[in-house]
All heavy atoms as atom14 arrays in JSON, in Angstrom:
{
  "sequence": "GGGAVYPAQGVVITQPTAGQFKAFDSICTHQGCPVTNVDGGTINC",
  "atom14_mask": [
    [1, 1, 1, 1, 0, 0, 0, 0, 0, 0, 0, 0, 0, 0],
    [1, 1, 1, 1, 0, 0, 0, 0, 0, 0, 0, 0, 0, 0],
    [1, 1, 1, 1, 0, 0, 0, 0, 0, 0, 0, 0, 0, 0],
    [1, 1, 1, 1, 1, 0, 0, 0, 0, 0, 0, 0, 0, 0],
    [1, 1, 1, 1, 1, 1, 1, 0, 0, 0, 0, 0, 0, 0],
    [1, 1, 1, 1, 1, 1, 1, 1, 1, 1, 1, 1, 0, 0],
    [1, 1, 1, 1, 1, 1, 1, 0, 0, 0, 0, 0, 0, 0],
    [1, 1, 1, 1, 1, 0, 0, 0, 0, 0, 0, 0, 0, 0],
    [1, 1, 1, 1, 1, 1, 1, 1, 1, 0, 0, 0, 0, 0],
    [1, 1, 1, 1, 0, 0, 0, 0, 0, 0, 0, 0, 0, 0],
    [1, 1, 1, 1, 1, 1, 1, 0, 0, 0, 0, 0, 0, 0],
    [1, 1, 1, 1, 1, 1, 1, 0, 0, 0, 0, 0, 0, 0],
    [1, 1, 1, 1, 1, 1, 1, 1, 0, 0, 0, 0, 0, 0],
    [1, 1, 1, 1, 1, 1, 1, 0, 0, 0, 0, 0, 0, 0],
    [1, 1, 1, 1, 1, 1, 1, 1, 1, 0, 0, 0, 0, 0],
    [1, 1, 1, 1, 1, 1, 1, 0, 0, 0, 0, 0, 0, 0],
    [1, 1, 1, 1, 1, 1, 1, 0, 0, 0, 0, 0, 0, 0],
    [1, 1, 1, 1, 1, 0, 0, 0, 0, 0, 0, 0, 0, 0],
    [1, 1, 1, 1, 0, 0, 0, 0, 0, 0, 0, 0, 0, 0],
    [1, 1, 1, 1, 1, 1, 1, 1, 1, 0, 0, 0, 0, 0],
    [1, 1, 1, 1, 1, 1, 1, 1, 1, 1, 1, 0, 0, 0],
    [1, 1, 1, 1, 1, 1, 1, 1, 1, 0, 0, 0, 0, 0],
    [1, 1, 1, 1, 1, 0, 0, 0, 0, 0, 0, 0, 0, 0],
    [1, 1, 1, 1, 1, 1, 1, 1, 1, 1, 1, 0, 0, 0],
    [1, 1, 1, 1, 1, 1, 1, 1, 0, 0, 0, 0, 0, 0],
    [1, 1, 1, 1, 1, 1, 0, 0, 0, 0, 0, 0, 0, 0],
    [1, 1, 1, 1, 1, 1, 1, 1, 0, 0, 0, 0, 0, 0],
    [1, 1, 1, 1, 1, 1, 0, 0, 0, 0, 0, 0, 0, 0],
    [1, 1, 1, 1, 1, 1, 1, 0, 0, 0, 0, 0, 0, 0],
    [1, 1, 1, 1, 1, 1, 1, 1, 1, 1, 0, 0, 0, 0],
    [1, 1, 1, 1, 1, 1, 1, 1, 1, 0, 0, 0, 0, 0],
    [1, 1, 1, 1, 0, 0, 0, 0, 0, 0, 0, 0, 0, 0],
    [1, 1, 1, 1, 1, 1, 0, 0, 0, 0, 0, 0, 0, 0],
    [1, 1, 1, 1, 1, 1, 1, 0, 0, 0, 0, 0, 0, 0],
    [1, 1, 1, 1, 1, 1, 1, 0, 0, 0, 0, 0, 0, 0],
    [1, 1, 1, 1, 1, 1, 1, 0, 0, 0, 0, 0, 0, 0],
    [1, 1, 1, 1, 1, 1, 1, 1, 0, 0, 0, 0, 0, 0],
    [1, 1, 1, 1, 1, 1, 1, 0, 0, 0, 0, 0, 0, 0],
    [1, 1, 1, 1, 1, 1, 1, 1, 0, 0, 0, 0, 0, 0],
    [1, 1, 1, 1, 0, 0, 0, 0, 0, 0, 0, 0, 0, 0],
    [1, 1, 1, 1, 0, 0, 0, 0, 0, 0, 0, 0, 0, 0],
    [1, 1, 1, 1, 1, 1, 1, 0, 0, 0, 0, 0, 0, 0],
    [1, 1, 1, 1, 1, 1, 1, 1, 0, 0, 0, 0, 0, 0],
    [1, 1, 1, 1, 1, 1, 1, 1, 0, 0, 0, 0, 0, 0],
    [1, 1, 1, 1, 1, 1, 0, 0, 0, 0, 0, 0, 0, 0]
  ],
  "atom14_positions": [
    [[93.59, 94.95, 80.8], [94.8, 95.22, 80.02], [95.31, 96.64, 80.17], [96.24, 97.04, 79.49], [0.0, 0.0, 0.0], [0.0, 0.0, 0.0], [0.0, 0.0, 0.0], [0.0, 0.0, 0.0], [0.0, 0.0, 0.0], [0.0, 0.0, 0.0], [0.0, 0.0, 0.0], [0.0, 0.0, 0.0], [0.0, 0.0, 0.0], [0.0, 0.0, 0.0]],
    [[94.72, 97.4, 81.07], [95.11, 98.8, 81.27], [95.09, 99.16, 82.73], [95.29, 98.32, 83.6], [0.0, 0.0, 0.0], [0.0, 0.0, 0.0], [0.0, 0.0, 0.0], [0.0, 0.0, 0.0], [0.0, 0.0, 0.0], [0.0, 0.0, 0.0], [0.0, 0.0, 0.0], [0.0, 0.0, 0.0], [0.0, 0.0, 0.0], [0.0, 0.0, 0.0]],
    [[94.82, 100.42, 83.0], [94.8, 100.88, 84.37], [94.5, 102.36, 84.46], [94.19, 103.0, 83.46], [0.0, 0.0, 0.0], [0.0, 0.0, 0.0], [0.0, 0.0, 0.0], [0.0, 0.0, 0.0], [0.0, 0.0, 0.0], [0.0, 0.0, 0.0], [0.0, 0.0, 0.0], [0.0, 0.0, 0.0], [0.0, 0.0, 0.0], [0.0, 0.0, 0.0]],
    [[94.61, 102.89, 85.66], [94.39, 104.31, 85.92], [95.38, 104.78, 86.98], [95.69, 104.04, 87.92], [92.96, 104.57, 86.37], [0.0, 0.0, 0.0], [0.0, 0.0, 0.0], [0.0, 0.0, 0.0], [0.0, 0.0, 0.0], [0.0, 0.0, 0.0], [0.0, 0.0, 0.0], [0.0, 0.0, 0.0], [0.0, 0.0, 0.0], [0.0, 0.0, 0.0]],
    [[95.86, 106.01, 86.83], [96.79, 106.62, 87.77], [95.98, 107.53, 88.7], [95.19, 108.34, 88.23], [97.87, 107.44, 87.02], [98.83, 108.09, 88.01], [98.62, 106.57, 86.03], [0.0, 0.0, 0.0], [0.0, 0.0, 0.0], [0.0, 0.0, 0.0], [0.0, 0.0, 0.0], [0.0, 0.0, 0.0], [0.0, 0.0, 0.0], [0.0, 0.0, 0.0]],
    [[96.19, 107.38, 90.0], [95.55, 108.21, 91.02], [96.66, 108.99, 91.73], [97.17, 108.56, 92.77], [94.75, 107.34, 92.0], [93.58, 106.67, 91.32], [93.76, 105.48, 90.63], [92.33, 107.24, 91.35], [92.7, 104.87, 89.98], [91.26, 106.64, 90.7], [91.45, 105.45, 90.02], [90.4, 104.86, 89.37], [0.0, 0.0, 0.0], [0.0, 0.0, 0.0]],
    [[97.08, 110.13, 91.16], [98.23, 110.86, 91.7], [98.05, 111.34, 93.13], [98.99, 111.3, 93.92], [98.43, 112.02, 90.74], [97.27, 112.04, 89.82], [96.51, 110.78, 89.99], [0.0, 0.0, 0.0], [0.0, 0.0, 0.0], [0.0, 0.0, 0.0], [0.0, 0.0, 0.0], [0.0, 0.0, 0.0], [0.0, 0.0, 0.0], [0.0, 0.0, 0.0]],
    [[96.86, 111.79, 93.5], [96.65, 112.3, 94.85], [96.82, 111.21, 95.91], [97.24, 111.49, 97.02], [95.25, 112.92, 94.97], [0.0, 0.0, 0.0], [0.0, 0.0, 0.0], [0.0, 0.0, 0.0], [0.0, 0.0, 0.0], [0.0, 0.0, 0.0], [0.0, 0.0, 0.0], [0.0, 0.0, 0.0], [0.0, 0.0, 0.0], [0.0, 0.0, 0.0]],
    [[96.54, 109.98, 95.54], [96.68, 108.86, 96.47], [98.01, 108.13, 96.28], [98.32, 107.2, 97.02], [95.53, 107.87, 96.31], [94.2, 108.41, 96.78], [93.55, 109.35, 95.78], [93.95, 109.46, 94.63], [92.53, 110.06, 96.22], [0.0, 0.0, 0.0], [0.0, 0.0, 0.0], [0.0, 0.0, 0.0], [0.0, 0.0, 0.0], [0.0, 0.0, 0.0]],
    [[98.77, 108.51, 95.26], [100.08, 107.9, 95.02], [100.0, 106.45, 94.58], [100.86, 105.65, 94.94], [0.0, 0.0, 0.0], [0.0, 0.0, 0.0], [0.0, 0.0, 0.0], [0.0, 0.0, 0.0], [0.0, 0.0, 0.0], [0.0, 0.0, 0.0], [0.0, 0.0, 0.0], [0.0, 0.0, 0.0], [0.0, 0.0, 0.0], [0.0, 0.0, 0.0]],
    [[99.0, 106.13, 93.78], [98.81, 104.74, 93.38], [98.37, 104.64, 91.92], [97.73, 105.53, 91.39], [97.77, 104.04, 94.31], [96.38, 104.62, 94.15], [97.76, 102.54, 94.13], [0.0, 0.0, 0.0], [0.0, 0.0, 0.0], [0.0, 0.0, 0.0], [0.0, 0.0, 0.0], [0.0, 0.0, 0.0], [0.0, 0.0, 0.0], [0.0, 0.0, 0.0]],
    [[98.78, 103.52, 91.3], [98.32, 103.14, 89.96], [97.6, 101.82, 90.15], [98.14, 100.9, 90.76], [99.5, 102.91, 88.99], [98.99, 102.51, 87.62], [100.38, 104.13, 88.89], [0.0, 0.0, 0.0], [0.0, 0.0, 0.0], [0.0, 0.0, 0.0], [0.0, 0.0, 0.0], [0.0, 0.0, 0.0], [0.0, 0.0, 0.0], [0.0, 0.0, 0.0]],
    [[96.37, 101.74, 89.65], [95.62, 100.49, 89.73], [95.53, 99.92, 88.32], [95.18, 100.64, 87.38], [94.22, 100.7, 90.32], [94.32, 101.28, 91.72], [93.44, 99.38, 90.34], [92.99, 101.66, 92.34], [0.0, 0.0, 0.0], [0.0, 0.0, 0.0], [0.0, 0.0, 0.0], [0.0, 0.0, 0.0], [0.0, 0.0, 0.0], [0.0, 0.0, 0.0]],
    [[95.84, 98.63, 88.18], [95.79, 97.99, 86.87], [94.88, 96.75, 86.93], [94.58, 96.24, 88.01], [97.19, 97.56, 86.39], [97.71, 96.54, 87.28], [98.14, 98.74, 86.34], [0.0, 0.0, 0.0], [0.0, 0.0, 0.0], [0.0, 0.0, 0.0], [0.0, 0.0, 0.0], [0.0, 0.0, 0.0], [0.0, 0.0, 0.0], [0.0, 0.0, 0.0]],
    [[94.48, 96.29, 85.76], [93.72, 95.05, 85.63], [94.35, 94.24, 84.49], [93.91, 94.32, 83.35], [92.23, 95.33, 85.35], [91.39, 94.09, 85.36], [89.9, 94.34, 85.18], [89.14, 93.42, 85.34], [89.44, 95.54, 84.85], [0.0, 0.0, 0.0], [0.0, 0.0, 0.0], [0.0, 0.0, 0.0], [0.0, 0.0, 0.0], [0.0, 0.0, 0.0]],
    [[95.42, 93.49, 84.8], [96.13, 92.76, 83.74], [95.23, 91.76, 83.01], [95.31, 91.63, 81.79], [97.25, 92.04, 84.48], [97.38, 92.73, 85.8], [96.04, 93.33, 86.1], [0.0, 0.0, 0.0], [0.0, 0.0, 0.0], [0.0, 0.0, 0.0], [0.0, 0.0, 0.0], [0.0, 0.0, 0.0], [0.0, 0.0, 0.0], [0.0, 0.0, 0.0]],
    [[94.4, 91.04, 83.75], [93.42, 90.13, 83.16], [92.09, 90.38, 83.84], [92.04, 90.93, 84.95], [93.83, 88.64, 83.34], [93.94, 88.36, 84.74], [95.16, 88.34, 82.66], [0.0, 0.0, 0.0], [0.0, 0.0, 0.0], [0.0, 0.0, 0.0], [0.0, 0.0, 0.0], [0.0, 0.0, 0.0], [0.0, 0.0, 0.0], [0.0, 0.0, 0.0]],
    [[91.02, 89.96, 83.21], [89.68, 90.23, 83.74], [89.54, 89.76, 85.19], [89.82, 88.61, 85.51], [88.63, 89.56, 82.86], [0.0, 0.0, 0.0], [0.0, 0.0, 0.0], [0.0, 0.0, 0.0], [0.0, 0.0, 0.0], [0.0, 0.0, 0.0], [0.0, 0.0, 0.0], [0.0, 0.0, 0.0], [0.0, 0.0, 0.0], [0.0, 0.0, 0.0]],
    [[89.16, 90.68, 86.06], [88.93, 90.36, 87.46], [90.16, 90.36, 88.35], [90.06, 90.16, 89.55], [0.0, 0.0, 0.0], [0.0, 0.0, 0.0], [0.0, 0.0, 0.0], [0.0, 0.0, 0.0], [0.0, 0.0, 0.0], [0.0, 0.0, 0.0], [0.0, 0.0, 0.0], [0.0, 0.0, 0.0], [0.0, 0.0, 0.0], [0.0, 0.0, 0.0]],
    [[91.35, 90.57, 87.79], [92.59, 90.59, 88.57], [93.07, 92.04, 88.66], [93.45, 92.64, 87.65], [93.66, 89.73, 87.88], [94.99, 89.74, 88.59], [96.1, 89.06, 87.78], [96.12, 89.16, 86.56], [96.99, 88.39, 88.47], [0.0, 0.0, 0.0], [0.0, 0.0, 0.0], [0.0, 0.0, 0.0], [0.0, 0.0, 0.0], [0.0, 0.0, 0.0]],
    [[93.07, 92.58, 89.87], [93.46, 93.98, 90.08], [94.77, 94.05, 90.84], [94.97, 93.33, 91.81], [92.35, 94.75, 90.82], [91.09, 94.81, 90.02], [90.12, 93.83, 90.16], [90.88, 95.82, 89.1], [88.96, 93.86, 89.4], [89.73, 95.87, 88.34], [88.76, 94.89, 88.49], [0.0, 0.0, 0.0], [0.0, 0.0, 0.0], [0.0, 0.0, 0.0]],
    [[95.66, 94.92, 90.39], [96.96, 95.13, 91.01], [97.13, 96.62, 91.29], [96.5, 97.45, 90.63], [98.09, 94.68, 90.06], [97.99, 93.25, 89.59], [98.54, 92.33, 90.62], [98.57, 90.9, 90.08], [99.51, 90.08, 90.78], [0.0, 0.0, 0.0], [0.0, 0.0, 0.0], [0.0, 0.0, 0.0], [0.0, 0.0, 0.0], [0.0, 0.0, 0.0]],
    [[98.0, 96.94, 92.24], [98.28, 98.34, 92.53], [99.76, 98.53, 92.76], [100.44, 97.65, 93.31], [97.49, 98.79, 93.76], [0.0, 0.0, 0.0], [0.0, 0.0, 0.0], [0.0, 0.0, 0.0], [0.0, 0.0, 0.0], [0.0, 0.0, 0.0], [0.0, 0.0, 0.0], [0.0, 0.0, 0.0], [0.0, 0.0, 0.0], [0.0, 0.0, 0.0]],
    [[100.26, 99.68, 92.34], [101.68, 100.02, 92.44], [101.83, 101.47, 92.84], [100.94, 102.29, 92.61], [102.38, 99.78, 91.09], [102.17, 98.39, 90.57], [101.17, 98.12, 89.65], [102.95, 97.33, 91.02], [100.95, 96.83, 89.18], [102.74, 96.05, 90.57], [101.74, 95.79, 89.65], [0.0, 0.0, 0.0], [0.0, 0.0, 0.0], [0.0, 0.0, 0.0]],
    [[102.99, 101.79, 93.39], [103.34, 103.17, 93.71], [103.35, 103.96, 92.4], [103.79, 103.46, 91.37], [104.72, 103.21, 94.38], [104.98, 104.54, 95.03], [105.06, 105.56, 94.31], [105.14, 104.57, 96.26], [0.0, 0.0, 0.0], [0.0, 0.0, 0.0], [0.0, 0.0, 0.0], [0.0, 0.0, 0.0], [0.0, 0.0, 0.0], [0.0, 0.0, 0.0]],
    [[102.89, 105.2, 92.44], [102.81, 106.01, 91.22], [104.05, 106.87, 90.97], [104.05, 107.73, 90.08], [101.56, 106.91, 91.26], [101.69, 107.88, 92.27], [0.0, 0.0, 0.0], [0.0, 0.0, 0.0], [0.0, 0.0, 0.0], [0.0, 0.0, 0.0], [0.0, 0.0, 0.0], [0.0, 0.0, 0.0], [0.0, 0.0, 0.0], [0.0, 0.0, 0.0]],
    [[105.12, 106.64, 91.73], [106.35, 107.4, 91.54], [107.4, 106.51, 90.86], [107.73, 105.43, 91.35], [106.9, 107.94, 92.88], [105.86, 108.84, 93.55], [108.22, 108.67, 92.69], [105.46, 110.08, 92.75], [0.0, 0.0, 0.0], [0.0, 0.0, 0.0], [0.0, 0.0, 0.0], [0.0, 0.0, 0.0], [0.0, 0.0, 0.0], [0.0, 0.0, 0.0]],
    [[107.91, 106.99, 89.73], [108.91, 106.25, 88.96], [110.16, 106.03, 89.81], [110.63, 106.94, 90.51], [109.26, 107.02, 87.7], [110.48, 106.2, 86.65], [0.0, 0.0, 0.0], [0.0, 0.0, 0.0], [0.0, 0.0, 0.0], [0.0, 0.0, 0.0], [0.0, 0.0, 0.0], [0.0, 0.0, 0.0], [0.0, 0.0, 0.0], [0.0, 0.0, 0.0]],
    [[110.71, 104.84, 89.72], [111.9, 104.49, 90.5], [113.18, 105.04, 89.88], [114.23, 104.96, 90.49], [112.03, 102.96, 90.64], [112.08, 102.38, 89.33], [110.86, 102.39, 91.42], [0.0, 0.0, 0.0], [0.0, 0.0, 0.0], [0.0, 0.0, 0.0], [0.0, 0.0, 0.0], [0.0, 0.0, 0.0], [0.0, 0.0, 0.0], [0.0, 0.0, 0.0]],
    [[113.1, 105.63, 88.7], [114.3, 106.17, 88.06], [114.75, 107.46, 88.74], [115.83, 107.5, 89.33], [114.06, 106.4, 86.56], [115.19, 107.08, 85.86], [115.03, 108.27, 85.21], [116.49, 106.75, 85.75], [116.21, 108.64, 84.71], [117.11, 107.73, 85.02], [0.0, 0.0, 0.0], [0.0, 0.0, 0.0], [0.0, 0.0, 0.0], [0.0, 0.0, 0.0]],
    [[113.93, 108.51, 88.66], [114.32, 109.78, 89.28], [113.17, 110.46, 90.01], [113.19, 111.65, 90.25], [114.9, 110.74, 88.23], [116.29, 110.35, 87.8], [116.97, 111.44, 86.98], [116.35, 112.39, 86.53], [118.26, 111.27, 86.76], [0.0, 0.0, 0.0], [0.0, 0.0, 0.0], [0.0, 0.0, 0.0], [0.0, 0.0, 0.0], [0.0, 0.0, 0.0]],
    [[112.16, 109.69, 90.38], [111.11, 110.22, 91.24], [110.01, 111.02, 90.56], [109.25, 111.69, 91.24], [0.0, 0.0, 0.0], [0.0, 0.0, 0.0], [0.0, 0.0, 0.0], [0.0, 0.0, 0.0], [0.0, 0.0, 0.0], [0.0, 0.0, 0.0], [0.0, 0.0, 0.0], [0.0, 0.0, 0.0], [0.0, 0.0, 0.0], [0.0, 0.0, 0.0]],
    [[109.92, 110.95, 89.25], [108.81, 111.63, 88.56], [107.54, 110.8, 88.75], [107.61, 109.58, 88.87], [109.09, 111.72, 87.06], [110.39, 112.86, 86.6], [0.0, 0.0, 0.0], [0.0, 0.0, 0.0], [0.0, 0.0, 0.0], [0.0, 0.0, 0.0], [0.0, 0.0, 0.0], [0.0, 0.0, 0.0], [0.0, 0.0, 0.0], [0.0, 0.0, 0.0]],
    [[106.39, 111.44, 88.74], [105.15, 110.66, 88.8], [104.9, 109.98, 87.46], [105.17, 110.56, 86.4], [104.08, 111.7, 89.09], [104.66, 113.01, 88.67], [106.14, 112.89, 88.78], [0.0, 0.0, 0.0], [0.0, 0.0, 0.0], [0.0, 0.0, 0.0], [0.0, 0.0, 0.0], [0.0, 0.0, 0.0], [0.0, 0.0, 0.0], [0.0, 0.0, 0.0]],
    [[104.42, 108.74, 87.5], [104.03, 108.09, 86.25], [102.79, 108.81, 85.76], [102.04, 109.4, 86.54], [103.81, 106.57, 86.43], [105.09, 105.88, 86.86], [102.68, 106.26, 87.38], [0.0, 0.0, 0.0], [0.0, 0.0, 0.0], [0.0, 0.0, 0.0], [0.0, 0.0, 0.0], [0.0, 0.0, 0.0], [0.0, 0.0, 0.0], [0.0, 0.0, 0.0]],
    [[102.57, 108.77, 84.45], [101.51, 109.61, 83.9], [100.36, 108.85, 83.27], [99.26, 109.39, 83.18], [102.08, 110.58, 82.86], [102.81, 109.83, 81.9], [102.99, 111.6, 83.52], [0.0, 0.0, 0.0], [0.0, 0.0, 0.0], [0.0, 0.0, 0.0], [0.0, 0.0, 0.0], [0.0, 0.0, 0.0], [0.0, 0.0, 0.0], [0.0, 0.0, 0.0]],
    [[100.6, 107.62, 82.81], [99.51, 106.91, 82.16], [99.78, 105.42, 82.11], [100.88, 104.96, 82.41], [99.27, 107.47, 80.74], [100.45, 107.24, 79.82], [100.85, 106.12, 79.54], [101.03, 108.32, 79.32], [0.0, 0.0, 0.0], [0.0, 0.0, 0.0], [0.0, 0.0, 0.0], [0.0, 0.0, 0.0], [0.0, 0.0, 0.0], [0.0, 0.0, 0.0]],
    [[98.74, 104.69, 81.73], [98.84, 103.26, 81.5], [98.37, 103.06, 80.07], [97.24, 103.4, 79.73], [97.96, 102.46, 82.48], [98.1, 100.96, 82.23], [98.31, 102.81, 83.92], [0.0, 0.0, 0.0], [0.0, 0.0, 0.0], [0.0, 0.0, 0.0], [0.0, 0.0, 0.0], [0.0, 0.0, 0.0], [0.0, 0.0, 0.0], [0.0, 0.0, 0.0]],
    [[99.25, 102.52, 79.24], [98.92, 102.35, 77.83], [99.76, 101.24, 77.25], [100.93, 101.1, 77.6], [99.18, 103.67, 77.09], [98.62, 103.67, 75.68], [97.52, 103.11, 75.47], [99.29, 104.22, 74.79], [0.0, 0.0, 0.0], [0.0, 0.0, 0.0], [0.0, 0.0, 0.0], [0.0, 0.0, 0.0], [0.0, 0.0, 0.0], [0.0, 0.0, 0.0]],
    [[99.19, 100.44, 76.38], [99.94, 99.39, 75.7], [100.46, 98.31, 76.66], [101.5, 97.71, 76.41], [0.0, 0.0, 0.0], [0.0, 0.0, 0.0], [0.0, 0.0, 0.0], [0.0, 0.0, 0.0], [0.0, 0.0, 0.0], [0.0, 0.0, 0.0], [0.0, 0.0, 0.0], [0.0, 0.0, 0.0], [0.0, 0.0, 0.0], [0.0, 0.0, 0.0]],
    [[99.75, 98.09, 77.76], [100.15, 97.07, 78.71], [101.27, 97.48, 79.65], [101.82, 96.65, 80.36], [0.0, 0.0, 0.0], [0.0, 0.0, 0.0], [0.0, 0.0, 0.0], [0.0, 0.0, 0.0], [0.0, 0.0, 0.0], [0.0, 0.0, 0.0], [0.0, 0.0, 0.0], [0.0, 0.0, 0.0], [0.0, 0.0, 0.0], [0.0, 0.0, 0.0]],
    [[101.61, 98.78, 79.66], [102.66, 99.26, 80.58], [102.21, 100.52, 81.29], [101.4, 101.3, 80.8], [103.99, 99.55, 79.85], [103.77, 100.52, 78.82], [104.6, 98.29, 79.26], [0.0, 0.0, 0.0], [0.0, 0.0, 0.0], [0.0, 0.0, 0.0], [0.0, 0.0, 0.0], [0.0, 0.0, 0.0], [0.0, 0.0, 0.0], [0.0, 0.0, 0.0]],
    [[102.79, 100.7, 82.48], [102.65, 101.94, 83.25], [103.81, 102.82, 82.79], [104.96, 102.38, 82.81], [102.76, 101.65, 84.76], [101.67, 100.66, 85.19], [102.69, 102.95, 85.55], [101.91, 100.03, 86.55], [0.0, 0.0, 0.0], [0.0, 0.0, 0.0], [0.0, 0.0, 0.0], [0.0, 0.0, 0.0], [0.0, 0.0, 0.0], [0.0, 0.0, 0.0]],
    [[103.52, 104.03, 82.37], [104.52, 104.85, 81.69], [104.87, 106.13, 82.44], [104.0, 106.83, 82.93], [104.01, 105.2, 80.3], [103.61, 103.97, 79.53], [104.41, 103.07, 79.32], [102.35, 103.89, 79.14], [0.0, 0.0, 0.0], [0.0, 0.0, 0.0], [0.0, 0.0, 0.0], [0.0, 0.0, 0.0], [0.0, 0.0, 0.0], [0.0, 0.0, 0.0]],
    [[106.17, 106.4, 82.48], [106.67, 107.66, 83.02], [107.19, 108.47, 81.84], [108.11, 108.04, 81.14], [107.8, 107.41, 84.02], [108.5, 108.94, 84.67], [0.0, 0.0, 0.0], [0.0, 0.0, 0.0], [0.0, 0.0, 0.0], [0.0, 0.0, 0.0], [0.0, 0.0, 0.0], [0.0, 0.0, 0.0], [0.0, 0.0, 0.0], [0.0, 0.0, 0.0]]
  ]
}
């Protein structure tokens, strides 16, 4: 239900449900800021 941001590698890894891992770019699509955390079921910028 959470995740971790790996800024040096430019990736956010999440685990939406047990055993299911997803990865996303760590740069916000709005204005290019790095996302900073995963909380409350969302990746947050």
